[in-house]
Amino acid sequence: MKNYGWVVKGLVFGGLVWVLMYVIFPQFSEDQIGEPEKHLTELFFAVPAGLLWGYYRFVVLPKKMAQRDKDKK
């Protein structure tokens, strides 16, 4: 079975970005009210974005780096 650890890492990344944007950062600003339950639709965009980041970072990028190293030699 192939290694699909990038899926978990991507989901965690997408979730963390959402938490930072709609839970953590509004607590430092008096202008923005911290109501993360009103931003659940943005979570639907954060999860696929995290998956794409995980795929690129842990699947595509290592292949490109290996190819680049191979071409240097």
PDB file of N, CA and C in Angstrom:
ATOM      1  N   MET A   1       0.836  -1.179   0.000  1.00  0.00           N
ATOM      2  CA  MET A   1       0.000   0.000   0.000  1.00  0.00           C
ATOM      3  C   MET A   1       0.885   1.248   0.000  1.00  0.00           C
ATOM      4  N   LYS A   2       0.474   2.228  -0.764  1.00  0.00           N
ATOM      5  CA  LYS A   2       1.263   3.449  -0.880  1.00  0.00           C
ATOM      6  C   LYS A   2       1.153   4.291   0.385  1.00  0.00           C
ATOM      7  N   ASN A   3       2.101   5.187   0.539  1.00  0.00           N
ATOM      8  CA  ASN A   3       2.143   6.071   1.697  1.00  0.00           C
ATOM      9  C   ASN A   3       1.238   7.283   1.445  1.00  0.00           C
ATOM     10  N   TYR A   4       0.199   7.405   2.252  1.00  0.00           N
ATOM     11  CA  TYR A   4      -0.727   8.528   2.125  1.00  0.00           C
ATOM     12  C   TYR A   4      -0.660   9.437   3.345  1.00  0.00           C
ATOM     13  N   GLY A   5       0.516   9.555   3.934  1.00  0.00           N
ATOM     14  CA  GLY A   5       0.700  10.449   5.072  1.00  0.00           C
ATOM     15  C   GLY A   5       0.491  11.904   4.706  1.00  0.00           C
ATOM     16  N   TRP A   6       0.692  12.239   3.446  1.00  0.00           N
ATOM     17  CA  TRP A   6       0.513  13.618   3.009  1.00  0.00           C
ATOM     18  C   TRP A   6      -0.940  14.060   3.142  1.00  0.00           C
ATOM     19  N   VAL A   7      -1.877  13.112   3.078  1.00  0.00           N
ATOM     20  CA  VAL A   7      -3.288  13.462   3.219  1.00  0.00           C
ATOM     21  C   VAL A   7      -3.552  13.971   4.639  1.00  0.00           C
ATOM     22  N   VAL A   8      -3.050  13.263   5.612  1.00  0.00           N
ATOM     23  CA  VAL A   8      -3.249  13.663   7.003  1.00  0.00           C
ATOM     24  C   VAL A   8      -2.561  14.999   7.268  1.00  0.00           C
ATOM     25  N   LYS A   9      -1.335  15.123   6.785  1.00  0.00           N
ATOM     26  CA  LYS A   9      -0.597  16.378   6.998  1.00  0.00           C
ATOM     27  C   LYS A   9      -1.305  17.542   6.312  1.00  0.00           C
ATOM     28  N   GLY A  10      -1.855  17.318   5.131  1.00  0.00           N
ATOM     29  CA  GLY A  10      -2.588  18.365   4.424  1.00  0.00           C
ATOM     30  C   GLY A  10      -3.864  18.756   5.144  1.00  0.00           C
ATOM     31  N   LEU A  11      -4.595  17.765   5.664  1.00  0.00           N
ATOM     32  CA  LEU A  11      -5.815  18.068   6.414  1.00  0.00           C
ATOM     33  C   LEU A  11      -5.506  18.846   7.687  1.00  0.00           C
ATOM     34  N   VAL A  12      -4.447  18.472   8.356  1.00  0.00           N
ATOM     35  CA  VAL A  12      -4.042  19.190   9.567  1.00  0.00           C
ATOM     36  C   VAL A  12      -3.642  20.619   9.214  1.00  0.00           C
ATOM     37  N   PHE A  13      -2.908  20.798   8.128  1.00  0.00           N
ATOM     38  CA  PHE A  13      -2.498  22.134   7.708  1.00  0.00           C
ATOM     39  C   PHE A  13      -3.706  22.996   7.380  1.00  0.00           C
ATOM     40  N   GLY A  14      -4.642  22.467   6.610  1.00  0.00           N
ATOM     41  CA  GLY A  14      -5.845  23.228   6.263  1.00  0.00           C
ATOM     42  C   GLY A  14      -6.651  23.595   7.495  1.00  0.00           C
ATOM     43  N   GLY A  15      -6.783  22.665   8.419  1.00  0.00           N
ATOM     44  CA  GLY A  15      -7.507  22.950   9.655  1.00  0.00           C
ATOM     45  C   GLY A  15      -6.810  23.996  10.504  1.00  0.00           C
ATOM     46  N   LEU A  16      -5.491  23.913  10.582  1.00  0.00           N
ATOM     47  CA  LEU A  16      -4.739  24.900  11.369  1.00  0.00           C
ATOM     48  C   LEU A  16      -4.827  26.298  10.768  1.00  0.00           C
ATOM     49  N   VAL A  17      -4.797  26.384   9.458  1.00  0.00           N
ATOM     50  CA  VAL A  17      -4.929  27.698   8.812  1.00  0.00           C
ATOM     51  C   VAL A  17      -6.291  28.297   9.140  1.00  0.00           C
ATOM     52  N   TRP A  18      -7.341  27.465   9.087  1.00  0.00           N
ATOM     53  CA  TRP A  18      -8.680  27.943   9.403  1.00  0.00           C
ATOM     54  C   TRP A  18      -8.753  28.407  10.860  1.00  0.00           C
ATOM     55  N   VAL A  19      -8.184  27.624  11.766  1.00  0.00           N
ATOM     56  CA  VAL A  19      -8.203  27.991  13.185  1.00  0.00           C
ATOM     57  C   VAL A  19      -7.454  29.300  13.405  1.00  0.00           C
ATOM     58  N   LEU A  20      -6.311  29.464  12.745  1.00  0.00           N
ATOM     59  CA  LEU A  20      -5.556  30.712  12.894  1.00  0.00           C
ATOM     60  C   LEU A  20      -6.356  31.911  12.386  1.00  0.00           C
ATOM     61  N   MET A  21      -6.977  31.762  11.216  1.00  0.00           N
ATOM     62  CA  MET A  21      -7.662  32.892  10.590  1.00  0.00           C
ATOM     63  C   MET A  21      -8.957  33.276  11.307  1.00  0.00           C
ATOM     64  N   TYR A  22      -9.703  32.306  11.817  1.00  0.00           N
ATOM     65  CA  TYR A  22     -11.037  32.608  12.327  1.00  0.00           C
ATOM     66  C   TYR A  22     -11.209  32.394  13.827  1.00  0.00           C
ATOM     67  N   VAL A  23     -10.190  31.896  14.508  1.00  0.00           N
ATOM     68  CA  VAL A  23     -10.296  31.718  15.953  1.00  0.00           C
ATOM     69  C   VAL A  23      -9.210  32.512  16.674  1.00  0.00           C
ATOM     70  N   ILE A  24      -7.952  32.345  16.265  1.00  0.00           N
ATOM     71  CA  ILE A  24      -6.830  32.959  16.986  1.00  0.00           C
ATOM     72  C   ILE A  24      -6.689  34.446  16.668  1.00  0.00           C
ATOM     73  N   PHE A  25      -6.570  34.798  15.383  1.00  0.00           N
ATOM     74  CA  PHE A  25      -6.322  36.190  15.009  1.00  0.00           C
ATOM     75  C   PHE A  25      -7.427  37.154  15.448  1.00  0.00           C
ATOM     76  N   PRO A  26      -8.720  36.810  15.353  1.00  0.00           N
ATOM     77  CA  PRO A  26      -9.740  37.768  15.800  1.00  0.00           C
ATOM     78  C   PRO A  26      -9.661  38.103  17.289  1.00  0.00           C
ATOM     79  N   GLN A  27      -9.045  37.272  18.090  1.00  0.00           N
ATOM     80  CA  GLN A  27      -8.946  37.575  19.515  1.00  0.00           C
ATOM     81  C   GLN A  27      -7.948  38.696  19.802  1.00  0.00           C
ATOM     82  N   PHE A  28      -7.090  39.013  18.839  1.00  0.00           N
ATOM     83  CA  PHE A  28      -6.120  40.097  19.005  1.00  0.00           C
ATOM     84  C   PHE A  28      -6.620  41.411  18.431  1.00  0.00           C
ATOM     85  N   SER A  29      -7.774  41.383  17.794  1.00  0.00           N
ATOM     86  CA  SER A  29      -8.314  42.576  17.163  1.00  0.00           C
ATOM     87  C   SER A  29      -9.673  42.903  17.785  1.00  0.00           C
ATOM     88  N   GLU A  30      -9.844  44.145  18.211  1.00  0.00           N
ATOM     89  CA  GLU A  30     -11.127  44.551  18.772  1.00  0.00           C
ATOM     90  C   GLU A  30     -12.158  44.820  17.685  1.00  0.00           C
ATOM     91  N   ASP A  31     -11.705  45.080  16.464  1.00  0.00           N
ATOM     92  CA  ASP A  31     -12.628  45.365  15.368  1.00  0.00           C
ATOM     93  C   ASP A  31     -13.325  44.115  14.856  1.00  0.00           C
ATOM     94  N   GLN A  32     -12.673  42.997  14.936  1.00  0.00           N
ATOM     95  CA  GLN A  32     -13.202  41.755  14.392  1.00  0.00           C
ATOM     96  C   GLN A  32     -13.735  40.886  15.529  1.00  0.00           C
ATOM     97  N   ILE A  33     -14.972  40.467  15.403  1.00  0.00           N
ATOM     98  CA  ILE A  33     -15.593  39.657  16.445  1.00  0.00           C
ATOM     99  C   ILE A  33     -15.212  38.199  16.225  1.00  0.00           C
ATOM    100  N   GLY A  34     -14.789  37.515  17.257  1.00  0.00           N
ATOM    101  CA  GLY A  34     -14.367  36.124  17.149  1.00  0.00           C
ATOM    102  C   GLY A  34     -15.541  35.162  17.219  1.00  0.00           C
ATOM    103  N   GLU A  35     -16.197  34.913  16.103  1.00  0.00           N
ATOM    104  CA  GLU A  35     -17.295  33.958  16.031  1.00  0.00           C
ATOM    105  C   GLU A  35     -16.979  32.931  14.949  1.00  0.00           C
ATOM    106  N   PRO A  36     -16.186  31.924  15.270  1.00  0.00           N
ATOM    107  CA  PRO A  36     -15.783  30.957  14.244  1.00  0.00           C
ATOM    108  C   PRO A  36     -16.936  30.148  13.679  1.00  0.00           C
ATOM    109  N   GLU A  37     -18.035  30.014  14.417  1.00  0.00           N
ATOM    110  CA  GLU A  37     -19.157  29.235  13.890  1.00  0.00           C
ATOM    111  C   GLU A  37     -19.813  29.903  12.680  1.00  0.00           C
ATOM    112  N   LYS A  38     -19.567  31.198  12.485  1.00  0.00           N
ATOM    113  CA  LYS A  38     -20.090  31.896  11.308  1.00  0.00           C
ATOM    114  C   LYS A  38     -19.193  31.699  10.087  1.00  0.00           C
ATOM    115  N   HIS A  39     -18.049  31.061  10.275  1.00  0.00           N
ATOM    116  CA  HIS A  39     -17.091  30.881   9.183  1.00  0.00           C
ATOM    117  C   HIS A  39     -16.880  29.419   8.829  1.00  0.00           C
ATOM    118  N   LEU A  40     -17.884  28.603   9.009  1.00  0.00           N
ATOM    119  CA  LEU A  40     -17.743  27.184   8.691  1.00  0.00           C
ATOM    120  C   LEU A  40     -17.664  26.933   7.185  1.00  0.00           C
ATOM    121  N   THR A  41     -18.233  27.829   6.378  1.00  0.00           N
ATOM    122  CA  THR A  41     -18.135  27.639   4.922  1.00  0.00           C
ATOM    123  C   THR A  41     -16.694  27.789   4.454  1.00  0.00           C
ATOM    124  N   GLU A  42     -15.931  28.645   5.117  1.00  0.00           N
ATOM    125  CA  GLU A  42     -14.528  28.797   4.759  1.00  0.00           C
ATOM    126  C   GLU A  42     -13.740  27.528   5.058  1.00  0.00           C
ATOM    127  N   LEU A  43     -14.215  26.740   6.015  1.00  0.00           N
ATOM    128  CA  LEU A  43     -13.570  25.476   6.331  1.00  0.00           C
ATOM    129  C   LEU A  43     -13.646  24.517   5.154  1.00  0.00           C
ATOM    130  N   PHE A  44     -14.718  24.607   4.362  1.00  0.00           N
ATOM    131  CA  PHE A  44     -14.849  23.774   3.169  1.00  0.00           C
ATOM    132  C   PHE A  44     -13.800  24.113   2.115  1.00  0.00           C
ATOM    133  N   PHE A  45     -13.285  25.335   2.148  1.00  0.00           N
ATOM    134  CA  PHE A  45     -12.224  25.727   1.232  1.00  0.00           C
ATOM    135  C   PHE A  45     -10.843  25.463   1.817  1.00  0.00           C
ATOM    136  N   ALA A  46     -10.728  25.513   3.137  1.00  0.00           N
ATOM    137  CA  ALA A  46      -9.434  25.296   3.795  1.00  0.00           C
ATOM    138  C   ALA A  46      -8.998  23.843   3.685  1.00  0.00           C
ATOM    139  N   VAL A  47      -9.934  22.918   3.761  1.00  0.00           N
ATOM    140  CA  VAL A  47      -9.579  21.498   3.704  1.00  0.00           C
ATOM    141  C   VAL A  47      -9.016  21.113   2.329  1.00  0.00           C
ATOM    142  N   PRO A  48      -9.689  21.437   1.211  1.00  0.00           N
ATOM    143  CA  PRO A  48      -9.071  21.114  -0.089  1.00  0.00           C
ATOM    144  C   PRO A  48      -7.766  21.855  -0.329  1.00  0.00           C
ATOM    145  N   ALA A  49      -7.669  23.086   0.152  1.00  0.00           N
ATOM    146  CA  ALA A  49      -6.410  23.822  -0.001  1.00  0.00           C
ATOM    147  C   ALA A  49      -5.299  23.125   0.766  1.00  0.00           C
ATOM    148  N   GLY A  50      -5.603  22.640   1.932  1.00  0.00           N
ATOM    149  CA  GLY A  50      -4.610  21.890   2.711  1.00  0.00           C
ATOM    150  C   GLY A  50      -4.221  20.594   2.023  1.00  0.00           C
ATOM    151  N   LEU A  51      -5.186  19.906   1.413  1.00  0.00           N
ATOM    152  CA  LEU A  51      -4.877  18.682   0.676  1.00  0.00           C
ATOM    153  C   LEU A  51      -3.971  18.962  -0.513  1.00  0.00           C
ATOM    154  N   LEU A  52      -4.260  20.036  -1.236  1.00  0.00           N
ATOM    155  CA  LEU A  52      -3.402  20.403  -2.372  1.00  0.00           C
ATOM    156  C   LEU A  52      -2.000  20.761  -1.904  1.00  0.00           C
ATOM    157  N   TRP A  53      -1.905  21.492  -0.789  1.00  0.00           N
ATOM    158  CA  TRP A  53      -0.588  21.822  -0.245  1.00  0.00           C
ATOM    159  C   TRP A  53       0.161  20.561   0.149  1.00  0.00           C
ATOM    160  N   GLY A  54      -0.525  19.633   0.820  1.00  0.00           N
ATOM    161  CA  GLY A  54       0.119  18.392   1.240  1.00  0.00           C
ATOM    162  C   GLY A  54       0.588  17.561   0.067  1.00  0.00           C
ATOM    163  N   TYR A  55      -0.230  17.490  -0.978  1.00  0.00           N
ATOM    164  CA  TYR A  55       0.163  16.728  -2.168  1.00  0.00           C
ATOM    165  C   TYR A  55       1.391  17.343  -2.825  1.00  0.00           C
ATOM    166  N   TYR A  56       1.369  18.669  -2.974  1.00  0.00           N
ATOM    167  CA  TYR A  56       2.507  19.330  -3.607  1.00  0.00           C
ATOM    168  C   TYR A  56       3.767  19.191  -2.758  1.00  0.00           C
ATOM    169  N   ARG A  57       3.641  19.448  -1.451  1.00  0.00           N
ATOM    170  CA  ARG A  57       4.809  19.469  -0.568  1.00  0.00           C
ATOM    171  C   ARG A  57       5.424  18.092  -0.365  1.00  0.00           C
ATOM    172  N   PHE A  58       4.602  17.055  -0.256  1.00  0.00           N
ATOM    173  CA  PHE A  58       5.117  15.742   0.115  1.00  0.00           C
ATOM    174  C   PHE A  58       5.141  14.734  -1.019  1.00  0.00           C
ATOM    175  N   VAL A  59       4.591  15.081  -2.198  1.00  0.00           N
ATOM    176  CA  VAL A  59       4.614  14.152  -3.332  1.00  0.00           C
ATOM    177  C   VAL A  59       5.345  14.771  -4.525  1.00  0.00           C
ATOM    178  N   VAL A  60       4.886  15.932  -4.960  1.00  0.00           N
ATOM    179  CA  VAL A  60       5.436  16.548  -6.168  1.00  0.00           C
ATOM    180  C   VAL A  60       6.828  17.125  -5.927  1.00  0.00           C
ATOM    181  N   LEU A  61       6.984  17.878  -4.867  1.00  0.00           N
ATOM    182  CA  LEU A  61       8.256  18.553  -4.603  1.00  0.00           C
ATOM    183  C   LEU A  61       9.420  17.586  -4.412  1.00  0.00           C
ATOM    184  N   PRO A  62       9.263  16.478  -3.661  1.00  0.00           N
ATOM    185  CA  PRO A  62      10.392  15.544  -3.556  1.00  0.00           C
ATOM    186  C   PRO A  62      10.793  14.925  -4.899  1.00  0.00           C
ATOM    187  N   LYS A  63       9.821  14.682  -5.769  1.00  0.00           N
ATOM    188  CA  LYS A  63      10.141  14.155  -7.100  1.00  0.00           C
ATOM    189  C   LYS A  63      10.918  15.179  -7.918  1.00  0.00           C
ATOM    190  N   LYS A  64      10.497  16.442  -7.837  1.00  0.00           N
ATOM    191  CA  LYS A  64      11.211  17.490  -8.562  1.00  0.00           C
ATOM    192  C   LYS A  64      12.627  17.662  -8.035  1.00  0.00           C
ATOM    193  N   MET A  65      12.789  17.601  -6.724  1.00  0.00           N
ATOM    194  CA  MET A  65      14.116  17.749  -6.137  1.00  0.00           C
ATOM    195  C   MET A  65      15.015  16.578  -6.516  1.00  0.00           C
ATOM    196  N   ALA A  66      14.464  15.369  -6.527  1.00  0.00           N
ATOM    197  CA  ALA A  66      15.259  14.203  -6.923  1.00  0.00           C
ATOM    198  C   ALA A  66      15.671  14.310  -8.391  1.00  0.00           C
ATOM    199  N   GLN A  67      14.768  14.768  -9.231  1.00  0.00           N
ATOM    200  CA  GLN A  67      15.088  14.937 -10.649  1.00  0.00           C
ATOM    201  C   GLN A  67      16.164  16.007 -10.830  1.00  0.00           C
ATOM    202  N   ARG A  68      16.072  17.094 -10.070  1.00  0.00           N
ATOM    203  CA  ARG A  68      17.059  18.158 -10.164  1.00  0.00           C
ATOM    204  C   ARG A  68      18.429  17.668  -9.717  1.00  0.00           C
ATOM    205  N   ASP A  69      18.466  16.906  -8.629  1.00  0.00           N
ATOM    206  CA  ASP A  69      19.736  16.342  -8.152  1.00  0.00           C
ATOM    207  C   ASP A  69      20.322  15.357  -9.158  1.00  0.00           C
ATOM    208  N   LYS A  70      19.464  14.602  -9.792  1.00  0.00           N
ATOM    209  CA  LYS A  70      19.897  13.634 -10.798  1.00  0.00           C
ATOM    210  C   LYS A  70      20.473  14.353 -12.025  1.00  0.00           C
ATOM    211  N   ASP A  71      19.852  15.456 -12.406  1.00  0.00           N
ATOM    212  CA  ASP A  71      20.337  16.221 -13.557  1.00  0.00           C
ATOM    213  C   ASP A  71      21.661  16.916 -13.275  1.00  0.00           C
ATOM    214  N   LYS A  72      21.941  17.270 -12.026  1.00  0.00           N
ATOM    215  CA  LYS A  72      23.198  17.917 -11.679  1.00  0.00           C
ATOM    216  C   LYS A  72      24.381  16.969 -11.830  1.00  0.00           C
ATOM    217  N   LYS A  73      24.147  15.685 -11.582  1.00  0.00           N
ATOM    218  CA  LYS A  73      25.248  14.719 -11.623  1.00  0.00           C
ATOM    219  C   LYS A  73      25.541  14.242 -13.002  1.00  0.00           C
TER     220      LYS A  73
END
